[in-house]
Amino acid sequence: MEKFIKLKSTAVPLPVENIDTDQIIPARFLKVTNKIGFGNNLFRDWRYDDKDQPITSFVLNNTSFSGTILVAGDNFGCGSSREHAAWALTDYGFKVIVSSYFADIFKGNALNNGLLPIQVSPEFLKNILNRIKENPLIQLIIDLEAQTISVEKIELIESFEIDAYKKLCMINGYDDIDFLISNKEKIETFEANRNKEEAIVS
């Protein structure tokens, strides 16, 4: 995975609550197992009408908003456990999702795919959504090492929680296998010492 330490980007506001995984990536697009191309169908039924024409009122079709951060409403990623939702968001180009609450399974799937879910207070979420709508060029700053999210040039900052292991993996660009490989020497040393202790006992 790509290393994630610090990110500064404009953001896309999607102030809709209870966005479930079927809205993120409809079930009819789950027939393939390759992660590539899922972004084309992200929020498909919100982005396009029944004639496959873009719905101009949907934020992803609004050229005023762009960036690698999606700021969504409360309870993002509820519904089914499909990992394809995280695939679609990352393939589209998002690196961070901000919400006041995430479904646990979605949060795990996101972190496993290099997508950082940042849970903030409802007050902070409302504040940044309003500021993004007022100024689409405003930039958010994500500092994973410090575990903070802030707004550029404004004294608006909040801390967020993340599992220590997942934080380590994201900062180093590790998946679970990469993490094990990075500890290969420690594992081999541990095994060698254990074998010695077992030999002494026997």
C-alpha atoms as a PDB file:
ATOM      1  CA  MET A   1       0.000   0.000   0.000  1.00  0.00           C
ATOM      2  CA  GLU A   2       1.010   3.634  -0.408  1.00  0.00           C
ATOM      3  CA  LYS A   3       2.522   5.267   2.670  1.00  0.00           C
ATOM      4  CA  PHE A   4       0.282   7.742   4.474  1.00  0.00           C
ATOM      5  CA  ILE A   5       1.883  10.260   6.819  1.00  0.00           C
ATOM      6  CA  LYS A   6       0.411  13.672   6.060  1.00  0.00           C
ATOM      7  CA  LEU A   7      -2.175  14.826   3.535  1.00  0.00           C
ATOM      8  CA  LYS A   8      -3.273  18.299   2.501  1.00  0.00           C
ATOM      9  CA  SER A   9      -6.200  18.454   0.091  1.00  0.00           C
ATOM     10  CA  THR A  10      -9.448  20.096  -0.832  1.00  0.00           C
ATOM     11  CA  ALA A  11     -12.508  18.030   0.038  1.00  0.00           C
ATOM     12  CA  VAL A  12     -15.793  16.840  -1.400  1.00  0.00           C
ATOM     13  CA  PRO A  13     -18.832  17.441   0.857  1.00  0.00           C
ATOM     14  CA  LEU A  14     -21.524  14.763   1.001  1.00  0.00           C
ATOM     15  CA  PRO A  15     -23.709  15.666   4.021  1.00  0.00           C
ATOM     16  CA  VAL A  16     -25.949  12.613   3.800  1.00  0.00           C
ATOM     17  CA  GLU A  17     -26.500  10.407   6.848  1.00  0.00           C
ATOM     18  CA  ASN A  18     -26.649   6.597   6.892  1.00  0.00           C
ATOM     19  CA  ILE A  19     -24.873   6.067   3.570  1.00  0.00           C
ATOM     20  CA  ASP A  20     -24.767   2.290   3.227  1.00  0.00           C
ATOM     21  CA  THR A  21     -22.426   0.127   1.212  1.00  0.00           C
ATOM     22  CA  ASP A  22     -25.067  -0.565  -1.459  1.00  0.00           C
ATOM     23  CA  GLN A  23     -25.264   3.155  -2.142  1.00  0.00           C
ATOM     24  CA  ILE A  24     -21.484   3.388  -2.227  1.00  0.00           C
ATOM     25  CA  ILE A  25     -21.227   0.499  -4.732  1.00  0.00           C
ATOM     26  CA  PRO A  26     -24.487  -1.143  -5.908  1.00  0.00           C
ATOM     27  CA  ALA A  27     -24.655  -4.932  -5.688  1.00  0.00           C
ATOM     28  CA  ARG A  28     -24.914  -5.420  -9.456  1.00  0.00           C
ATOM     29  CA  PHE A  29     -21.295  -4.309  -9.823  1.00  0.00           C
ATOM     30  CA  LEU A  30     -19.846  -6.913  -7.458  1.00  0.00           C
ATOM     31  CA  LYS A  31     -19.368  -9.696  -9.991  1.00  0.00           C
ATOM     32  CA  VAL A  32     -15.639  -9.094 -10.487  1.00  0.00           C
ATOM     33  CA  THR A  33     -12.853  -9.566  -7.952  1.00  0.00           C
ATOM     34  CA  ASN A  34     -10.300  -7.166  -9.473  1.00  0.00           C
ATOM     35  CA  LYS A  35     -10.175  -3.883  -7.522  1.00  0.00           C
ATOM     36  CA  ILE A  36      -9.407  -1.823 -10.624  1.00  0.00           C
ATOM     37  CA  GLY A  37     -12.349   0.017 -12.172  1.00  0.00           C
ATOM     38  CA  PHE A  38     -14.654   0.040  -9.151  1.00  0.00           C
ATOM     39  CA  GLY A  39     -14.342   3.811  -8.913  1.00  0.00           C
ATOM     40  CA  ASN A  40     -16.289   4.156 -12.153  1.00  0.00           C
ATOM     41  CA  ASN A  41     -19.374   2.917 -10.330  1.00  0.00           C
ATOM     42  CA  LEU A  42     -18.893   4.716  -7.023  1.00  0.00           C
ATOM     43  CA  PHE A  43     -22.307   6.095  -5.968  1.00  0.00           C
ATOM     44  CA  ARG A  44     -23.505   4.944  -9.385  1.00  0.00           C
ATOM     45  CA  ASP A  45     -27.227   5.410  -8.743  1.00  0.00           C
ATOM     46  CA  TRP A  46     -26.632   8.897  -7.360  1.00  0.00           C
ATOM     47  CA  ARG A  47     -24.212   9.958 -10.106  1.00  0.00           C
ATOM     48  CA  TYR A  48     -26.195   8.761 -13.137  1.00  0.00           C
ATOM     49  CA  ASP A  49     -29.838   8.520 -14.166  1.00  0.00           C
ATOM     50  CA  ASP A  50     -31.492   5.475 -15.781  1.00  0.00           C
ATOM     51  CA  LYS A  51     -30.110   6.586 -19.161  1.00  0.00           C
ATOM     52  CA  ASP A  52     -26.543   6.723 -17.802  1.00  0.00           C
ATOM     53  CA  GLN A  53     -26.492  10.502 -17.989  1.00  0.00           C
ATOM     54  CA  PRO A  54     -24.743  12.403 -15.148  1.00  0.00           C
ATOM     55  CA  ILE A  55     -27.060  13.857 -12.532  1.00  0.00           C
ATOM     56  CA  THR A  56     -25.754  17.396 -12.315  1.00  0.00           C
ATOM     57  CA  SER A  57     -27.071  17.973  -8.795  1.00  0.00           C
ATOM     58  CA  PHE A  58     -24.864  15.236  -7.301  1.00  0.00           C
ATOM     59  CA  VAL A  59     -21.653  16.525  -5.757  1.00  0.00           C
ATOM     60  CA  LEU A  60     -19.276  14.217  -7.659  1.00  0.00           C
ATOM     61  CA  ASN A  61     -20.612  15.755 -10.872  1.00  0.00           C
ATOM     62  CA  ASN A  62     -20.038  19.280  -9.562  1.00  0.00           C
ATOM     63  CA  THR A  63     -16.684  20.547 -10.826  1.00  0.00           C
ATOM     64  CA  SER A  64     -16.559  23.111  -8.013  1.00  0.00           C
ATOM     65  CA  PHE A  65     -15.610  20.344  -5.588  1.00  0.00           C
ATOM     66  CA  SER A  66     -12.606  18.035  -5.847  1.00  0.00           C
ATOM     67  CA  GLY A  67      -9.888  16.452  -3.756  1.00  0.00           C
ATOM     68  CA  THR A  68      -8.863  13.207  -2.114  1.00  0.00           C
ATOM     69  CA  ILE A  69     -10.951  13.729   1.037  1.00  0.00           C
ATOM     70  CA  LEU A  70     -14.657  12.891   1.258  1.00  0.00           C
ATOM     71  CA  VAL A  71     -16.541  14.568   4.111  1.00  0.00           C
ATOM     72  CA  ALA A  72     -19.759  12.642   4.668  1.00  0.00           C
ATOM     73  CA  GLY A  73     -22.689  12.637   7.074  1.00  0.00           C
ATOM     74  CA  ASP A  74     -23.122  10.516  10.181  1.00  0.00           C
ATOM     75  CA  ASN A  75     -23.035   6.690  10.112  1.00  0.00           C
ATOM     76  CA  PHE A  76     -21.047   6.187   6.919  1.00  0.00           C
ATOM     77  CA  GLY A  77     -20.579   2.677   5.534  1.00  0.00           C
ATOM     78  CA  CYS A  78     -23.485   0.944   7.259  1.00  0.00           C
ATOM     79  CA  GLY A  79     -25.287  -2.018   5.699  1.00  0.00           C
ATOM     80  CA  SER A  80     -23.562  -5.046   4.233  1.00  0.00           C
ATOM     81  CA  SER A  81     -19.947  -5.979   4.911  1.00  0.00           C
ATOM     82  CA  ARG A  82     -18.808  -5.785   1.282  1.00  0.00           C
ATOM     83  CA  GLU A  83     -15.148  -4.794   0.977  1.00  0.00           C
ATOM     84  CA  HIS A  84     -15.907  -3.504  -2.515  1.00  0.00           C
ATOM     85  CA  ALA A  85     -17.138  -0.242  -0.944  1.00  0.00           C
ATOM     86  CA  ALA A  86     -13.604   0.558   0.178  1.00  0.00           C
ATOM     87  CA  TRP A  87     -12.270  -0.548  -3.207  1.00  0.00           C
ATOM     88  CA  ALA A  88     -14.619   1.838  -5.029  1.00  0.00           C
ATOM     89  CA  LEU A  89     -13.692   4.808  -2.852  1.00  0.00           C
ATOM     90  CA  THR A  90      -9.938   4.240  -3.184  1.00  0.00           C
ATOM     91  CA  ASP A  91     -10.129   3.496  -6.912  1.00  0.00           C
ATOM     92  CA  TYR A  92     -12.010   6.764  -7.419  1.00  0.00           C
ATOM     93  CA  GLY A  93      -9.131   8.547  -5.708  1.00  0.00           C
ATOM     94  CA  PHE A  94     -10.254   9.163  -2.137  1.00  0.00           C
ATOM     95  CA  LYS A  95      -7.624   8.668   0.563  1.00  0.00           C
ATOM     96  CA  VAL A  96      -9.610   9.893   3.572  1.00  0.00           C
ATOM     97  CA  ILE A  97     -13.250   9.682   4.622  1.00  0.00           C
ATOM     98  CA  VAL A  98     -14.452  12.002   7.391  1.00  0.00           C
ATOM     99  CA  SER A  99     -17.645  11.301   9.331  1.00  0.00           C
ATOM    100  CA  SER A 100     -19.002  11.515  12.863  1.00  0.00           C
ATOM    101  CA  TYR A 101     -19.496   7.726  12.911  1.00  0.00           C
ATOM    102  CA  PHE A 102     -18.459   4.699  10.841  1.00  0.00           C
ATOM    103  CA  ALA A 103     -19.816   1.182  10.750  1.00  0.00           C
ATOM    104  CA  ASP A 104     -17.159  -1.061  12.324  1.00  0.00           C
ATOM    105  CA  ILE A 105     -16.863  -3.482   9.401  1.00  0.00           C
ATOM    106  CA  PHE A 106     -16.518  -0.666   6.891  1.00  0.00           C
ATOM    107  CA  LYS A 107     -13.864   0.974   9.064  1.00  0.00           C
ATOM    108  CA  GLY A 108     -11.849  -2.257   9.099  1.00  0.00           C
ATOM    109  CA  ASN A 109     -12.200  -2.736   5.349  1.00  0.00           C
ATOM    110  CA  ALA A 110     -11.136   0.849   4.728  1.00  0.00           C
ATOM    111  CA  LEU A 111      -7.980   0.583   6.849  1.00  0.00           C
ATOM    112  CA  ASN A 112      -7.069  -2.730   5.211  1.00  0.00           C
ATOM    113  CA  ASN A 113      -7.154  -0.988   1.831  1.00  0.00           C
ATOM    114  CA  GLY A 114      -5.178   2.126   2.721  1.00  0.00           C
ATOM    115  CA  LEU A 115      -8.247   4.327   3.141  1.00  0.00           C
ATOM    116  CA  LEU A 116      -8.207   6.389   6.345  1.00  0.00           C
ATOM    117  CA  PRO A 117     -11.588   6.771   8.110  1.00  0.00           C
ATOM    118  CA  ILE A 118     -11.482   9.762  10.467  1.00  0.00           C
ATOM    119  CA  GLN A 119     -14.231   9.975  13.072  1.00  0.00           C
ATOM    120  CA  VAL A 120     -14.834  13.492  14.370  1.00  0.00           C
ATOM    121  CA  SER A 121     -17.395  15.099  16.657  1.00  0.00           C
ATOM    122  CA  PRO A 122     -20.759  16.098  15.127  1.00  0.00           C
ATOM    123  CA  GLU A 123     -19.945  19.750  15.822  1.00  0.00           C
ATOM    124  CA  PHE A 124     -16.592  19.592  14.023  1.00  0.00           C
ATOM    125  CA  LEU A 125     -18.169  17.747  11.092  1.00  0.00           C
ATOM    126  CA  LYS A 126     -20.911  20.351  10.705  1.00  0.00           C
ATOM    127  CA  ASN A 127     -18.347  23.143  10.895  1.00  0.00           C
ATOM    128  CA  ILE A 128     -16.065  21.800   8.181  1.00  0.00           C
ATOM    129  CA  LEU A 129     -18.992  20.880   5.906  1.00  0.00           C
ATOM    130  CA  ASN A 130     -20.226  24.459   6.084  1.00  0.00           C
ATOM    131  CA  ARG A 131     -16.768  25.853   5.406  1.00  0.00           C
ATOM    132  CA  ILE A 132     -16.243  23.567   2.398  1.00  0.00           C
ATOM    133  CA  LYS A 133     -19.598  24.598   0.920  1.00  0.00           C
ATOM    134  CA  GLU A 134     -18.734  28.266   1.431  1.00  0.00           C
ATOM    135  CA  ASN A 135     -15.268  27.862  -0.052  1.00  0.00           C
ATOM    136  CA  PRO A 136     -14.636  24.748  -2.179  1.00  0.00           C
ATOM    137  CA  LEU A 137     -10.936  25.655  -2.361  1.00  0.00           C
ATOM    138  CA  ILE A 138     -10.413  25.402   1.384  1.00  0.00           C
ATOM    139  CA  GLN A 139      -7.946  22.661   2.306  1.00  0.00           C
ATOM    140  CA  LEU A 140      -7.997  20.127   5.106  1.00  0.00           C
ATOM    141  CA  ILE A 141      -4.763  18.884   6.662  1.00  0.00           C
ATOM    142  CA  ILE A 142      -4.549  15.310   7.914  1.00  0.00           C
ATOM    143  CA  ASP A 143      -1.578  14.504  10.117  1.00  0.00           C
ATOM    144  CA  LEU A 144      -1.630  10.779  10.828  1.00  0.00           C
ATOM    145  CA  GLU A 145       1.421  10.811  13.109  1.00  0.00           C
ATOM    146  CA  ALA A 146      -0.143  13.502  15.317  1.00  0.00           C
ATOM    147  CA  GLN A 147      -3.646  12.075  14.739  1.00  0.00           C
ATOM    148  CA  THR A 148      -5.145  15.464  13.938  1.00  0.00           C
ATOM    149  CA  ILE A 149      -7.407  16.940  11.279  1.00  0.00           C
ATOM    150  CA  SER A 150      -7.351  20.688  10.750  1.00  0.00           C
ATOM    151  CA  VAL A 151      -8.405  23.420   8.339  1.00  0.00           C
ATOM    152  CA  GLU A 152      -5.691  25.403   6.599  1.00  0.00           C
ATOM    153  CA  LYS A 153      -5.227  28.999   7.817  1.00  0.00           C
ATOM    154  CA  ILE A 154      -8.031  28.602  10.373  1.00  0.00           C
ATOM    155  CA  GLU A 155      -7.706  27.709  14.039  1.00  0.00           C
ATOM    156  CA  LEU A 156      -9.931  24.682  13.651  1.00  0.00           C
ATOM    157  CA  ILE A 157      -8.400  21.368  14.679  1.00  0.00           C
ATOM    158  CA  GLU A 158      -9.531  18.098  16.227  1.00  0.00           C
ATOM    159  CA  SER A 159      -7.814  14.870  17.250  1.00  0.00           C
ATOM    160  CA  PHE A 160      -8.968  11.455  16.067  1.00  0.00           C
ATOM    161  CA  GLU A 161      -8.460   7.888  17.229  1.00  0.00           C
ATOM    162  CA  ILE A 162      -6.918   5.049  15.246  1.00  0.00           C
ATOM    163  CA  ASP A 163      -5.772   1.551  16.171  1.00  0.00           C
ATOM    164  CA  ALA A 164      -2.015   1.666  16.859  1.00  0.00           C
ATOM    165  CA  TYR A 165      -1.286  -1.325  14.597  1.00  0.00           C
ATOM    166  CA  LYS A 166      -3.287   0.114  11.685  1.00  0.00           C
ATOM    167  CA  LYS A 167      -1.568   3.469  12.162  1.00  0.00           C
ATOM    168  CA  LEU A 168       1.843   1.782  11.969  1.00  0.00           C
ATOM    169  CA  CYS A 169       0.818  -0.077   8.819  1.00  0.00           C
ATOM    170  CA  MET A 170      -0.520   3.039   7.065  1.00  0.00           C
ATOM    171  CA  ILE A 171       2.525   5.159   7.895  1.00  0.00           C
ATOM    172  CA  ASN A 172       4.846   2.459   6.509  1.00  0.00           C
ATOM    173  CA  GLY A 173       2.627   1.388   3.629  1.00  0.00           C
ATOM    174  CA  TYR A 174       2.230  -2.126   5.027  1.00  0.00           C
ATOM    175  CA  ASP A 175      -0.529  -4.629   4.606  1.00  0.00           C
ATOM    176  CA  ASP A 176      -0.652  -7.511   7.101  1.00  0.00           C
ATOM    177  CA  ILE A 177       1.833  -9.603   5.090  1.00  0.00           C
ATOM    178  CA  ASP A 178       4.241  -6.682   4.673  1.00  0.00           C
ATOM    179  CA  PHE A 179       4.156  -6.170   8.442  1.00  0.00           C
ATOM    180  CA  LEU A 180       5.120  -9.788   9.073  1.00  0.00           C
ATOM    181  CA  ILE A 181       7.937  -9.596   6.518  1.00  0.00           C
ATOM    182  CA  SER A 182       9.243  -6.419   8.193  1.00  0.00           C
ATOM    183  CA  ASN A 183       9.563  -8.406  11.421  1.00  0.00           C
ATOM    184  CA  LYS A 184      11.151 -11.466   9.805  1.00  0.00           C
ATOM    185  CA  GLU A 185      14.446 -11.196  11.700  1.00  0.00           C
ATOM    186  CA  LYS A 186      12.694 -10.733  15.055  1.00  0.00           C
ATOM    187  CA  ILE A 187      10.457 -13.735  14.358  1.00  0.00           C
ATOM    188  CA  GLU A 188      13.419 -15.903  13.354  1.00  0.00           C
ATOM    189  CA  THR A 189      15.347 -14.860  16.484  1.00  0.00           C
ATOM    190  CA  PHE A 190      12.337 -15.634  18.670  1.00  0.00           C
ATOM    191  CA  GLU A 191      11.908 -19.066  17.093  1.00  0.00           C
ATOM    192  CA  ALA A 192      15.604 -19.860  17.460  1.00  0.00           C
ATOM    193  CA  ASN A 193      15.581 -18.896  21.154  1.00  0.00           C
ATOM    194  CA  ARG A 194      12.422 -20.912  21.765  1.00  0.00           C
ATOM    195  CA  ASN A 195      13.948 -23.970  20.143  1.00  0.00           C
ATOM    196  CA  LYS A 196      17.010 -23.611  22.384  1.00  0.00           C
ATOM    197  CA  GLU A 197      14.825 -23.395  25.507  1.00  0.00           C
ATOM    198  CA  GLU A 198      12.838 -26.461  24.453  1.00  0.00           C
ATOM    199  CA  ALA A 199      16.068 -28.380  23.839  1.00  0.00           C
ATOM    200  CA  ILE A 200      17.346 -27.506  27.329  1.00  0.00           C
ATOM    201  CA  VAL A 201      14.081 -28.557  28.958  1.00  0.00           C
ATOM    202  CA  SER A 202      13.992 -31.863  27.116  1.00  0.00           C
END
